PDB file of N, CA and C in Angstrom:
ATOM      1  N   MET A   1       5.909  -6.049   0.263  1.00  0.00           N
ATOM      2  CA  MET A   1       4.522  -6.297  -0.176  1.00  0.00           C
ATOM      3  C   MET A   1       3.599  -5.228   0.356  1.00  0.00           C
ATOM      4  N   TRP A   2       2.872  -4.883  -0.273  1.00  0.00           N
ATOM      5  CA  TRP A   2       1.965  -3.827   0.132  1.00  0.00           C
ATOM      6  C   TRP A   2       0.878  -4.127   1.524  1.00  0.00           C
ATOM      7  N   ILE A   3       0.796  -5.339   1.825  1.00  0.00           N
ATOM      8  CA  ILE A   3       0.020  -5.876   2.916  1.00  0.00           C
ATOM      9  C   ILE A   3       0.796  -5.357   4.173  1.00  0.00           C
ATOM     10  N   GLU A   4       1.951  -5.100   4.056  1.00  0.00           N
ATOM     11  CA  GLU A   4       2.759  -4.600   5.337  1.00  0.00           C
ATOM     12  C   GLU A   4       2.613  -3.422   5.989  1.00  0.00           C
ATOM     13  N   VAL A   5       1.752  -2.764   4.909  1.00  0.00           N
ATOM     14  CA  VAL A   5       1.540  -1.389   5.524  1.00  0.00           C
ATOM     15  C   VAL A   5       0.453  -1.341   6.523  1.00  0.00           C
ATOM     16  N   LEU A   6      -0.328  -2.482   6.333  1.00  0.00           N
ATOM     17  CA  LEU A   6      -1.459  -2.497   7.566  1.00  0.00           C
ATOM     18  C   LEU A   6      -0.903  -2.882   8.722  1.00  0.00           C
ATOM     19  N   PRO A   7      -1.802  -2.103   9.639  1.00  0.00           N
ATOM     20  CA  PRO A   7      -1.445  -2.525  11.254  1.00  0.00           C
ATOM     21  C   PRO A   7      -1.453  -3.928  11.538  1.00  0.00           C
ATOM     22  N   ALA A   8      -0.755  -4.503  12.412  1.00  0.00           N
ATOM     23  CA  ALA A   8      -0.495  -5.927  12.802  1.00  0.00           C
ATOM     24  C   ALA A   8      -1.742  -6.591  13.054  1.00  0.00           C
ATOM     25  N   VAL A   9      -2.658  -6.019  13.656  1.00  0.00           N
ATOM     26  CA  VAL A   9      -3.784  -6.501  14.274  1.00  0.00           C
ATOM     27  C   VAL A   9      -4.716  -6.653  12.891  1.00  0.00           C
ATOM     28  N   VAL A  10      -4.416  -6.017  12.052  1.00  0.00           N
ATOM     29  CA  VAL A  10      -5.358  -6.174  10.635  1.00  0.00           C
ATOM     30  C   VAL A  10      -4.931  -7.293   9.918  1.00  0.00           C
ATOM     31  N   ILE A  11      -3.296  -7.544   9.730  1.00  0.00           N
ATOM     32  CA  ILE A  11      -2.853  -8.526   9.029  1.00  0.00           C
ATOM     33  C   ILE A  11      -3.187  -9.817   9.883  1.00  0.00           C
ATOM     34  N   GLU A  12      -2.707  -9.860  11.134  1.00  0.00           N
ATOM     35  CA  GLU A  12      -3.082 -11.209  11.895  1.00  0.00           C
ATOM     36  C   GLU A  12      -4.735 -11.768  11.813  1.00  0.00           C
ATOM     37  N   ASN A  13      -5.462 -10.720  11.716  1.00  0.00           N
ATOM     38  CA  ASN A  13      -6.903 -11.322  11.456  1.00  0.00           C
ATOM     39  C   ASN A  13      -7.549 -10.794  10.249  1.00  0.00           C
ATOM     40  N   LEU A  14      -6.920 -10.864   9.276  1.00  0.00           N
ATOM     41  CA  LEU A  14      -7.397 -10.805   7.839  1.00  0.00           C
ATOM     42  C   LEU A  14      -8.130 -11.965   7.128  1.00  0.00           C
ATOM     43  N   ASP A  15      -8.007 -13.030   7.632  1.00  0.00           N
ATOM     44  CA  ASP A  15      -9.112 -14.380   7.510  1.00  0.00           C
ATOM     45  C   ASP A  15     -10.509 -13.962   7.829  1.00  0.00           C
ATOM     46  N   VAL A  16     -10.354 -13.647   9.000  1.00  0.00           N
ATOM     47  CA  VAL A  16     -11.728 -13.036   9.733  1.00  0.00           C
ATOM     48  C   VAL A  16     -12.285 -11.908   8.979  1.00  0.00           C
ATOM     49  N   ILE A  17     -11.536 -10.777   8.922  1.00  0.00           N
ATOM     50  CA  ILE A  17     -12.060  -9.479   8.325  1.00  0.00           C
ATOM     51  C   ILE A  17     -12.334  -9.837   6.948  1.00  0.00           C
ATOM     52  N   ALA A  18     -11.925 -10.743   6.256  1.00  0.00           N
ATOM     53  CA  ALA A  18     -12.172 -11.116   4.879  1.00  0.00           C
ATOM     54  C   ALA A  18     -13.896 -11.734   4.534  1.00  0.00           C
ATOM     55  N   LEU A  19     -13.925 -12.453   5.682  1.00  0.00           N
ATOM     56  CA  LEU A  19     -15.234 -13.285   5.719  1.00  0.00           C
ATOM     57  C   LEU A  19     -16.314 -12.379   6.110  1.00  0.00           C
ATOM     58  N   ILE A  20     -16.099 -11.380   7.044  1.00  0.00           N
ATOM     59  CA  ILE A  20     -16.892 -10.557   7.698  1.00  0.00           C
ATOM     60  C   ILE A  20     -17.282  -9.624   6.489  1.00  0.00           C
ATOM     61  N   LEU A  21     -16.550  -8.977   5.711  1.00  0.00           N
ATOM     62  CA  LEU A  21     -16.623  -7.997   4.875  1.00  0.00           C
ATOM     63  C   LEU A  21     -17.332  -8.686   3.704  1.00  0.00           C
ATOM     64  N   LEU A  22     -17.271 -10.087   3.380  1.00  0.00           N
ATOM     65  CA  LEU A  22     -17.773 -10.609   2.295  1.00  0.00           C
ATOM     66  C   LEU A  22     -19.310 -10.761   2.743  1.00  0.00           C
ATOM     67  N   GLY A  23     -19.741 -11.226   3.831  1.00  0.00           N
ATOM     68  CA  GLY A  23     -20.863 -11.191   4.625  1.00  0.00           C
ATOM     69  C   GLY A  23     -21.901  -9.719   4.359  1.00  0.00           C
ATOM     70  N   LEU A  24     -20.913  -8.789   4.873  1.00  0.00           N
ATOM     71  CA  LEU A  24     -21.524  -7.371   4.630  1.00  0.00           C
ATOM     72  C   LEU A  24     -22.095  -7.084   3.192  1.00  0.00           C
ATOM     73  N   LEU A  25     -20.983  -7.706   2.188  1.00  0.00           N
ATOM     74  CA  LEU A  25     -21.341  -7.342   0.758  1.00  0.00           C
ATOM     75  C   LEU A  25     -22.765  -8.080   0.296  1.00  0.00           C
ATOM     76  N   VAL A  26     -22.904  -9.329   0.957  1.00  0.00           N
ATOM     77  CA  VAL A  26     -24.242 -10.214   0.294  1.00  0.00           C
ATOM     78  C   VAL A  26     -25.267  -9.838   0.962  1.00  0.00           C
ATOM     79  N   GLU A  27     -25.132  -9.430   2.435  1.00  0.00           N
ATOM     80  CA  GLU A  27     -26.191  -8.983   3.002  1.00  0.00           C
ATOM     81  C   GLU A  27     -27.002  -7.900   2.503  1.00  0.00           C
ATOM     82  N   LYS A  28     -28.375  -7.572   1.867  1.00  0.00           N
ATOM     83  CA  LYS A  28     -28.675  -6.515   1.485  1.00  0.00           C
ATOM     84  C   LYS A  28     -30.054  -6.353   2.258  1.00  0.00           C
ATOM     85  N   GLN A  29     -30.934  -7.321   1.808  1.00  0.00           N
ATOM     86  CA  GLN A  29     -32.427  -7.357   2.830  1.00  0.00           C
ATOM     87  C   GLN A  29     -32.299  -8.618   3.755  1.00  0.00           C
ATOM     88  N   TYR A  30     -31.800  -9.376   3.160  1.00  0.00           N
ATOM     89  CA  TYR A  30     -31.773 -10.682   3.943  1.00  0.00           C
ATOM     90  C   TYR A  30     -30.338 -11.247   4.481  1.00  0.00           C
ATOM     91  N   ILE A  31     -30.077 -12.045   5.328  1.00  0.00           N
ATOM     92  CA  ILE A  31     -29.055 -12.961   5.427  1.00  0.00           C
ATOM     93  C   ILE A  31     -29.058 -14.193   4.704  1.00  0.00           C
ATOM     94  N   SER A  32     -28.189 -14.584   3.695  1.00  0.00           N
ATOM     95  CA  SER A  32     -28.088 -15.480   2.696  1.00  0.00           C
ATOM     96  C   SER A  32     -27.531 -16.590   3.560  1.00  0.00           C
ATOM     97  N   ARG A  33     -27.915 -17.964   2.913  1.00  0.00           N
ATOM     98  CA  ARG A  33     -27.121 -19.026   3.840  1.00  0.00           C
ATOM     99  C   ARG A  33     -25.412 -19.272   3.633  1.00  0.00           C
ATOM    100  N   PRO A  34     -25.095 -18.878   2.579  1.00  0.00           N
ATOM    101  CA  PRO A  34     -23.550 -18.494   2.399  1.00  0.00           C
ATOM    102  C   PRO A  34     -23.003 -17.575   3.218  1.00  0.00           C
ATOM    103  N   ALA A  35     -23.646 -16.670   3.584  1.00  0.00           N
ATOM    104  CA  ALA A  35     -22.927 -15.544   4.434  1.00  0.00           C
ATOM    105  C   ALA A  35     -23.260 -16.177   5.752  1.00  0.00           C
ATOM    106  N   ILE A  36     -24.338 -16.761   6.129  1.00  0.00           N
ATOM    107  CA  ILE A  36     -24.219 -17.365   7.802  1.00  0.00           C
ATOM    108  C   ILE A  36     -23.050 -18.254   7.780  1.00  0.00           C
ATOM    109  N   TRP A  37     -22.912 -19.159   6.570  1.00  0.00           N
ATOM    110  CA  TRP A  37     -21.693 -20.224   6.810  1.00  0.00           C
ATOM    111  C   TRP A  37     -20.222 -19.374   6.827  1.00  0.00           C
ATOM    112  N   ALA A  38     -20.072 -18.300   6.159  1.00  0.00           N
ATOM    113  CA  ALA A  38     -18.837 -17.503   6.203  1.00  0.00           C
ATOM    114  C   ALA A  38     -18.842 -16.658   7.465  1.00  0.00           C
ATOM    115  N   ASN A  39     -19.982 -16.165   8.133  1.00  0.00           N
ATOM    116  CA  ASN A  39     -19.724 -15.526   9.363  1.00  0.00           C
ATOM    117  C   ASN A  39     -19.491 -16.438  10.679  1.00  0.00           C
ATOM    118  N   VAL A  40     -20.318 -17.552  10.624  1.00  0.00           N
ATOM    119  CA  VAL A  40     -19.758 -18.558  11.496  1.00  0.00           C
ATOM    120  C   VAL A  40     -18.499 -19.135  11.496  1.00  0.00           C
ATOM    121  N   ALA A  41     -17.938 -19.163  10.260  1.00  0.00           N
ATOM    122  CA  ALA A  41     -16.660 -19.868  10.022  1.00  0.00           C
ATOM    123  C   ALA A  41     -15.648 -18.581  10.503  1.00  0.00           C
ATOM    124  N   ALA A  42     -16.007 -17.418  10.115  1.00  0.00           N
ATOM    125  CA  ALA A  42     -15.071 -16.396  10.808  1.00  0.00           C
ATOM    126  C   ALA A  42     -14.950 -16.251  12.370  1.00  0.00           C
ATOM    127  N   ILE A  43     -16.307 -16.315  12.937  1.00  0.00           N
ATOM    128  CA  ILE A  43     -16.190 -16.197  14.202  1.00  0.00           C
ATOM    129  C   ILE A  43     -15.728 -17.379  15.230  1.00  0.00           C
ATOM    130  N   ASN A  44     -15.440 -18.468  14.434  1.00  0.00           N
ATOM    131  CA  ASN A  44     -14.969 -19.521  14.904  1.00  0.00           C
ATOM    132  C   ASN A  44     -13.410 -19.564  14.552  1.00  0.00           C
ATOM    133  N   ILE A  45     -12.946 -19.285  13.633  1.00  0.00           N
ATOM    134  CA  ILE A  45     -11.569 -19.036  13.466  1.00  0.00           C
ATOM    135  C   ILE A  45     -11.116 -17.837  14.554  1.00  0.00           C
ATOM    136  N   HIS A  46     -11.849 -16.899  14.595  1.00  0.00           N
ATOM    137  CA  HIS A  46     -11.101 -15.839  15.304  1.00  0.00           C
ATOM    138  C   HIS A  46     -11.159 -16.247  16.712  1.00  0.00           C
ATOM    139  N   LEU A  47     -12.269 -17.105  17.419  1.00  0.00           N
ATOM    140  CA  LEU A  47     -11.955 -17.251  18.873  1.00  0.00           C
ATOM    141  C   LEU A  47     -11.290 -18.412  19.251  1.00  0.00           C
ATOM    142  N   TYR A  48     -10.947 -19.012  18.044  1.00  0.00           N
ATOM    143  CA  TYR A  48     -10.035 -20.303  18.256  1.00  0.00           C
ATOM    144  C   TYR A  48      -8.572 -20.073  18.678  1.00  0.00           C
ATOM    145  N   ASP A  49      -8.249 -18.695  18.330  1.00  0.00           N
ATOM    146  CA  ASP A  49      -6.907 -18.210  18.369  1.00  0.00           C
ATOM    147  C   ASP A  49      -6.534 -17.525  19.598  1.00  0.00           C
ATOM    148  N   TYR A  50      -7.687 -17.479  20.538  1.00  0.00           N
ATOM    149  CA  TYR A  50      -7.898 -16.686  21.786  1.00  0.00           C
ATOM    150  C   TYR A  50      -7.613 -17.882  23.207  1.00  0.00           C
ATOM    151  N   SER A  51      -6.717 -17.589  23.803  1.00  0.00           N
ATOM    152  CA  SER A  51      -6.548 -18.701  24.958  1.00  0.00           C
ATOM    153  C   SER A  51      -7.897 -18.581  25.956  1.00  0.00           C
ATOM    154  N   PHE A  52      -8.421 -17.375  26.153  1.00  0.00           N
ATOM    155  CA  PHE A  52      -9.554 -17.372  27.101  1.00  0.00           C
ATOM    156  C   PHE A  52     -10.772 -16.836  26.256  1.00  0.00           C
ATOM    157  N   VAL A  53     -11.557 -17.906  26.210  1.00  0.00           N
ATOM    158  CA  VAL A  53     -13.037 -17.563  25.752  1.00  0.00           C
ATOM    159  C   VAL A  53     -14.178 -17.814  26.690  1.00  0.00           C
ATOM    160  N   SER A  54     -14.912 -16.913  26.774  1.00  0.00           N
ATOM    161  CA  SER A  54     -15.961 -17.170  28.147  1.00  0.00           C
ATOM    162  C   SER A  54     -16.868 -18.166  27.358  1.00  0.00           C
ATOM    163  N   ASN A  55     -17.875 -18.593  28.526  1.00  0.00           N
ATOM    164  CA  ASN A  55     -18.391 -19.979  28.214  1.00  0.00           C
ATOM    165  C   ASN A  55     -19.762 -19.262  27.153  1.00  0.00           C
ATOM    166  N   TRP A  56     -20.326 -18.022  27.615  1.00  0.00           N
ATOM    167  CA  TRP A  56     -21.250 -17.556  26.384  1.00  0.00           C
ATOM    168  C   TRP A  56     -21.001 -17.471  24.844  1.00  0.00           C
ATOM    169  N   LEU A  57     -19.407 -17.103  24.723  1.00  0.00           N
ATOM    170  CA  LEU A  57     -18.857 -16.876  23.605  1.00  0.00           C
ATOM    171  C   LEU A  57     -18.784 -18.160  22.851  1.00  0.00           C
ATOM    172  N   SER A  58     -18.272 -19.289  23.860  1.00  0.00           N
ATOM    173  CA  SER A  58     -18.348 -20.757  23.331  1.00  0.00           C
ATOM    174  C   SER A  58     -19.689 -21.278  22.718  1.00  0.00           C
ATOM    175  N   TRP A  59     -20.631 -21.230  23.621  1.00  0.00           N
ATOM    176  CA  TRP A  59     -21.955 -21.564  23.266  1.00  0.00           C
ATOM    177  C   TRP A  59     -22.542 -20.765  21.812  1.00  0.00           C
ATOM    178  N   TYR A  60     -21.910 -19.567  21.988  1.00  0.00           N
ATOM    179  CA  TYR A  60     -22.650 -18.965  20.887  1.00  0.00           C
ATOM    180  C   TYR A  60     -21.875 -19.253  19.546  1.00  0.00           C
ATOM    181  N   ALA A  61     -20.701 -19.630  19.485  1.00  0.00           N
ATOM    182  CA  ALA A  61     -19.839 -20.269  18.402  1.00  0.00           C
ATOM    183  C   ALA A  61     -20.215 -21.497  17.953  1.00  0.00           C
ATOM    184  N   ASN A  62     -20.541 -22.309  19.219  1.00  0.00           N
ATOM    185  CA  ASN A  62     -20.931 -23.762  18.951  1.00  0.00           C
ATOM    186  C   ASN A  62     -22.131 -23.856  18.142  1.00  0.00           C
ATOM    187  N   ILE A  63     -23.417 -23.001  18.832  1.00  0.00           N
ATOM    188  CA  ILE A  63     -24.673 -22.973  18.313  1.00  0.00           C
ATOM    189  C   ILE A  63     -24.581 -22.267  16.788  1.00  0.00           C
ATOM    190  N   GLY A  64     -23.614 -21.617  16.579  1.00  0.00           N
ATOM    191  CA  GLY A  64     -23.257 -20.983  14.995  1.00  0.00           C
ATOM    192  C   GLY A  64     -22.853 -22.466  14.191  1.00  0.00           C
ATOM    193  N   LEU A  65     -22.162 -23.219  14.797  1.00  0.00           N
ATOM    194  CA  LEU A  65     -21.669 -24.092  13.778  1.00  0.00           C
ATOM    195  C   LEU A  65     -22.901 -25.145  13.418  1.00  0.00           C
ATOM    196  N   LEU A  66     -23.792 -25.302  14.414  1.00  0.00           N
ATOM    197  CA  LEU A  66     -25.336 -25.959  13.985  1.00  0.00           C
ATOM    198  C   LEU A  66     -25.985 -25.392  12.842  1.00  0.00           C
ATOM    199  N   VAL A  67     -26.153 -23.906  13.266  1.00  0.00           N
ATOM    200  CA  VAL A  67     -26.887 -22.848  12.370  1.00  0.00           C
ATOM    201  C   VAL A  67     -26.333 -23.174  11.039  1.00  0.00           C
ATOM    202  N   ALA A  68     -25.094 -22.769  10.739  1.00  0.00           N
ATOM    203  CA  ALA A  68     -24.262 -22.812   9.777  1.00  0.00           C
ATOM    204  C   ALA A  68     -24.423 -24.297   8.759  1.00  0.00           C
ATOM    205  N   GLY A  69     -24.339 -25.146   9.592  1.00  0.00           N
ATOM    206  CA  GLY A  69     -24.298 -26.472   8.997  1.00  0.00           C
ATOM    207  C   GLY A  69     -25.702 -26.904   8.445  1.00  0.00           C
ATOM    208  N   LEU A  70     -26.881 -26.335   9.040  1.00  0.00           N
ATOM    209  CA  LEU A  70     -27.900 -26.475   8.552  1.00  0.00           C
ATOM    210  C   LEU A  70     -28.059 -25.572   7.217  1.00  0.00           C
ATOM    211  N   ALA A  71     -27.529 -24.575   7.353  1.00  0.00           N
ATOM    212  CA  ALA A  71     -27.631 -23.498   6.373  1.00  0.00           C
ATOM    213  C   ALA A  71     -27.068 -24.193   5.125  1.00  0.00           C
ATOM    214  N   LEU A  72     -25.834 -24.795   5.194  1.00  0.00           N
ATOM    215  CA  LEU A  72     -24.977 -25.225   4.109  1.00  0.00           C
ATOM    216  C   LEU A  72     -25.827 -26.387   3.666  1.00  0.00           C
ATOM    217  N   TYR A  73     -26.322 -27.183   4.298  1.00  0.00           N
ATOM    218  CA  TYR A  73     -26.800 -28.519   4.052  1.00  0.00           C
ATOM    219  C   TYR A  73     -27.991 -28.274   3.223  1.00  0.00           C
ATOM    220  N   THR A  74     -29.074 -27.387   3.785  1.00  0.00           N
ATOM    221  CA  THR A  74     -30.117 -27.316   2.902  1.00  0.00           C
ATOM    222  C   THR A  74     -30.165 -26.400   1.514  1.00  0.00           C
ATOM    223  N   TYR A  75     -28.951 -25.361   1.589  1.00  0.00           N
ATOM    224  CA  TYR A  75     -28.601 -24.700   0.449  1.00  0.00           C
ATOM    225  C   TYR A  75     -28.064 -25.868  -0.579  1.00  0.00           C
ATOM    226  N   GLY A  76     -27.540 -26.712  -0.136  1.00  0.00           N
ATOM    227  CA  GLY A  76     -26.689 -27.605  -1.113  1.00  0.00           C
ATOM    228  C   GLY A  76     -27.822 -28.489  -2.031  1.00  0.00           C
ATOM    229  N   PHE A  77     -28.973 -28.821  -1.072  1.00  0.00           N
ATOM    230  CA  PHE A  77     -29.926 -29.633  -1.551  1.00  0.00           C
ATOM    231  C   PHE A  77     -31.287 -28.965  -1.938  1.00  0.00           C
ATOM    232  N   ASP A  78     -30.991 -27.498  -2.070  1.00  0.00           N
ATOM    233  CA  ASP A  78     -32.029 -26.523  -2.398  1.00  0.00           C
ATOM    234  C   ASP A  78     -33.368 -26.643  -1.864  1.00  0.00           C
ATOM    235  N   GLU A  79     -33.240 -26.664  -0.478  1.00  0.00           N
ATOM    236  CA  GLU A  79     -34.247 -26.932   0.356  1.00  0.00           C
ATOM    237  C   GLU A  79     -34.382 -25.601   1.099  1.00  0.00           C
ATOM    238  N   SER A  80     -35.776 -25.187   1.477  1.00  0.00           N
ATOM    239  CA  SER A  80     -36.073 -24.088   2.212  1.00  0.00           C
ATOM    240  C   SER A  80     -36.078 -24.323   3.726  1.00  0.00           C
ATOM    241  N   LEU A  81     -35.945 -23.095   4.322  1.00  0.00           N
ATOM    242  CA  LEU A  81     -35.932 -23.210   5.733  1.00  0.00           C
ATOM    243  C   LEU A  81     -37.196 -22.405   6.324  1.00  0.00           C
ATOM    244  N   PRO A  82     -37.668 -22.668   7.414  1.00  0.00           N
ATOM    245  CA  PRO A  82     -38.646 -21.926   8.172  1.00  0.00           C
ATOM    246  C   PRO A  82     -37.944 -20.513   8.510  1.00  0.00           C
ATOM    247  N   GLY A  83     -39.245 -19.782   8.834  1.00  0.00           N
ATOM    248  CA  GLY A  83     -39.073 -18.311   9.005  1.00  0.00           C
ATOM    249  C   GLY A  83     -38.238 -18.041  10.431  1.00  0.00           C
ATOM    250  N   TRP A  84     -38.446 -18.947  11.231  1.00  0.00           N
ATOM    251  CA  TRP A  84     -37.888 -18.522  12.483  1.00  0.00           C
ATOM    252  C   TRP A  84     -36.382 -19.039  12.389  1.00  0.00           C
ATOM    253  N   TYR A  85     -35.981 -19.725  11.651  1.00  0.00           N
ATOM    254  CA  TYR A  85     -34.353 -20.027  11.293  1.00  0.00           C
ATOM    255  C   TYR A  85     -33.863 -18.946  11.047  1.00  0.00           C
ATOM    256  N   TYR A  86     -34.570 -18.136  10.071  1.00  0.00           N
ATOM    257  CA  TYR A  86     -33.631 -16.731   9.463  1.00  0.00           C
ATOM    258  C   TYR A  86     -33.685 -15.663  10.776  1.00  0.00           C
ATOM    259  N   THR A  87     -34.791 -15.710  11.652  1.00  0.00           N
ATOM    260  CA  THR A  87     -34.840 -14.755  12.616  1.00  0.00           C
ATOM    261  C   THR A  87     -33.427 -15.152  13.706  1.00  0.00           C
ATOM    262  N   LEU A  88     -33.356 -16.463  13.602  1.00  0.00           N
ATOM    263  CA  LEU A  88     -32.117 -17.036  14.433  1.00  0.00           C
ATOM    264  C   LEU A  88     -30.692 -16.615  13.771  1.00  0.00           C
ATOM    265  N   ALA A  89     -30.963 -16.902  12.512  1.00  0.00           N
ATOM    266  CA  ALA A  89     -29.793 -16.611  11.678  1.00  0.00           C
ATOM    267  C   ALA A  89     -29.061 -15.022  11.786  1.00  0.00           C
ATOM    268  N   TRP A  90     -30.067 -14.154  11.967  1.00  0.00           N
ATOM    269  CA  TRP A  90     -29.228 -12.668  12.034  1.00  0.00           C
ATOM    270  C   TRP A  90     -28.326 -12.598  13.213  1.00  0.00           C
ATOM    271  N   ALA A  91     -28.295 -13.460  14.159  1.00  0.00           N
ATOM    272  CA  ALA A  91     -27.416 -13.248  15.388  1.00  0.00           C
ATOM    273  C   ALA A  91     -26.098 -13.679  14.932  1.00  0.00           C
ATOM    274  N   TYR A  92     -25.831 -14.193  13.512  1.00  0.00           N
ATOM    275  CA  TYR A  92     -24.694 -14.685  13.007  1.00  0.00           C
ATOM    276  C   TYR A  92     -24.612 -13.823  11.677  1.00  0.00           C
ATOM    277  N   SER A  93     -25.302 -12.776  11.604  1.00  0.00           N
ATOM    278  CA  SER A  93     -24.920 -11.776  10.526  1.00  0.00           C
ATOM    279  C   SER A  93     -23.825 -11.152  10.717  1.00  0.00           C
ATOM    280  N   SER A  94     -23.336 -10.337   9.730  1.00  0.00           N
ATOM    281  CA  SER A  94     -21.870  -9.576   9.808  1.00  0.00           C
ATOM    282  C   SER A  94     -21.666  -8.511  10.945  1.00  0.00           C
ATOM    283  N   ILE A  95     -22.714  -7.779  11.105  1.00  0.00           N
ATOM    284  CA  ILE A  95     -22.730  -6.919  12.068  1.00  0.00           C
ATOM    285  C   ILE A  95     -22.311  -7.473  13.576  1.00  0.00           C
ATOM    286  N   PRO A  96     -23.246  -8.452  14.097  1.00  0.00           N
ATOM    287  CA  PRO A  96     -22.981  -8.854  15.422  1.00  0.00           C
ATOM    288  C   PRO A  96     -21.616  -9.916  15.434  1.00  0.00           C
ATOM    289  N   VAL A  97     -21.390 -10.328  14.254  1.00  0.00           N
ATOM    290  CA  VAL A  97     -20.043 -11.128  14.286  1.00  0.00           C
ATOM    291  C   VAL A  97     -18.778 -10.172  14.354  1.00  0.00           C
ATOM    292  N   ALA A  98     -19.264  -9.110  13.611  1.00  0.00           N
ATOM    293  CA  ALA A  98     -17.750  -8.115  13.656  1.00  0.00           C
ATOM    294  C   ALA A  98     -17.711  -7.411  14.960  1.00  0.00           C
ATOM    295  N   ALA A  99     -18.831  -7.279  15.484  1.00  0.00           N
ATOM    296  CA  ALA A  99     -19.033  -6.578  16.755  1.00  0.00           C
ATOM    297  C   ALA A  99     -18.036  -7.232  17.751  1.00  0.00           C
ATOM    298  N   ILE A 100     -18.528  -8.725  17.688  1.00  0.00           N
ATOM    299  CA  ILE A 100     -17.929  -9.656  18.852  1.00  0.00           C
ATOM    300  C   ILE A 100     -16.223  -9.628  18.600  1.00  0.00           C
ATOM    301  N   ALA A 101     -15.961  -9.912  17.350  1.00  0.00           N
ATOM    302  CA  ALA A 101     -14.700  -9.820  16.898  1.00  0.00           C
ATOM    303  C   ALA A 101     -14.024  -8.461  17.086  1.00  0.00           C
ATOM    304  N   TYR A 102     -14.680  -7.372  16.883  1.00  0.00           N
ATOM    305  CA  TYR A 102     -13.994  -5.938  17.559  1.00  0.00           C
ATOM    306  C   TYR A 102     -14.086  -6.144  19.101  1.00  0.00           C
ATOM    307  N   LEU A 103     -14.783  -6.488  19.825  1.00  0.00           N
ATOM    308  CA  LEU A 103     -15.042  -6.294  21.596  1.00  0.00           C
ATOM    309  C   LEU A 103     -13.884  -7.352  21.728  1.00  0.00           C
ATOM    310  N   THR A 104     -13.742  -8.718  20.984  1.00  0.00           N
ATOM    311  CA  THR A 104     -12.369  -9.533  21.544  1.00  0.00           C
ATOM    312  C   THR A 104     -11.146  -8.713  21.296  1.00  0.00           C
ATOM    313  N   TRP A 105     -11.040  -8.336  19.919  1.00  0.00           N
ATOM    314  CA  TRP A 105      -9.436  -7.841  19.843  1.00  0.00           C
ATOM    315  C   TRP A 105      -9.409  -6.761  20.797  1.00  0.00           C
ATOM    316  N   SER A 106     -10.527  -5.796  21.203  1.00  0.00           N
ATOM    317  CA  SER A 106     -10.235  -4.633  22.028  1.00  0.00           C
ATOM    318  C   SER A 106     -10.037  -5.098  23.878  1.00  0.00           C
ATOM    319  N   GLY A 107     -10.318  -6.295  24.210  1.00  0.00           N
ATOM    320  CA  GLY A 107     -10.044  -6.901  25.202  1.00  0.00           C
ATOM    321  C   GLY A 107     -11.446  -7.015  26.127  1.00  0.00           C
ATOM    322  N   ALA A 108     -12.484  -6.228  25.496  1.00  0.00           N
ATOM    323  CA  ALA A 108     -13.777  -6.000  26.069  1.00  0.00           C
ATOM    324  C   ALA A 108     -14.421  -7.284  26.678  1.00  0.00           C
ATOM    325  N   LEU A 109     -14.136  -8.302  25.930  1.00  0.00           N
ATOM    326  CA  LEU A 109     -14.879  -9.498  26.110  1.00  0.00           C
ATOM    327  C   LEU A 109     -13.823 -10.573  26.255  1.00  0.00           C
TER     328      LEU A 109
END
């Protein structure tokens, strides 16, 4: 299979990488609610596989589940959210999520 050409770390984390790439493609001027959901899912899947996750990363991931849950709920019922929500949601856009994933892969976090 062609996938075997990729480095092992990429293959092992392909689910997270795919979700982050999807978010990057969707995010142009703003972060959409489906992208928020995908990024939060990606970081939670990624952190679930690690034996040691710091308290602040646990809080980040857990708060992300609340942010993503609200995003998915309101998106499903076609309701709008206030501006402060989208300011908070930028913490779960693809770039911060990718940075956290990279820093944990590298052992820096």
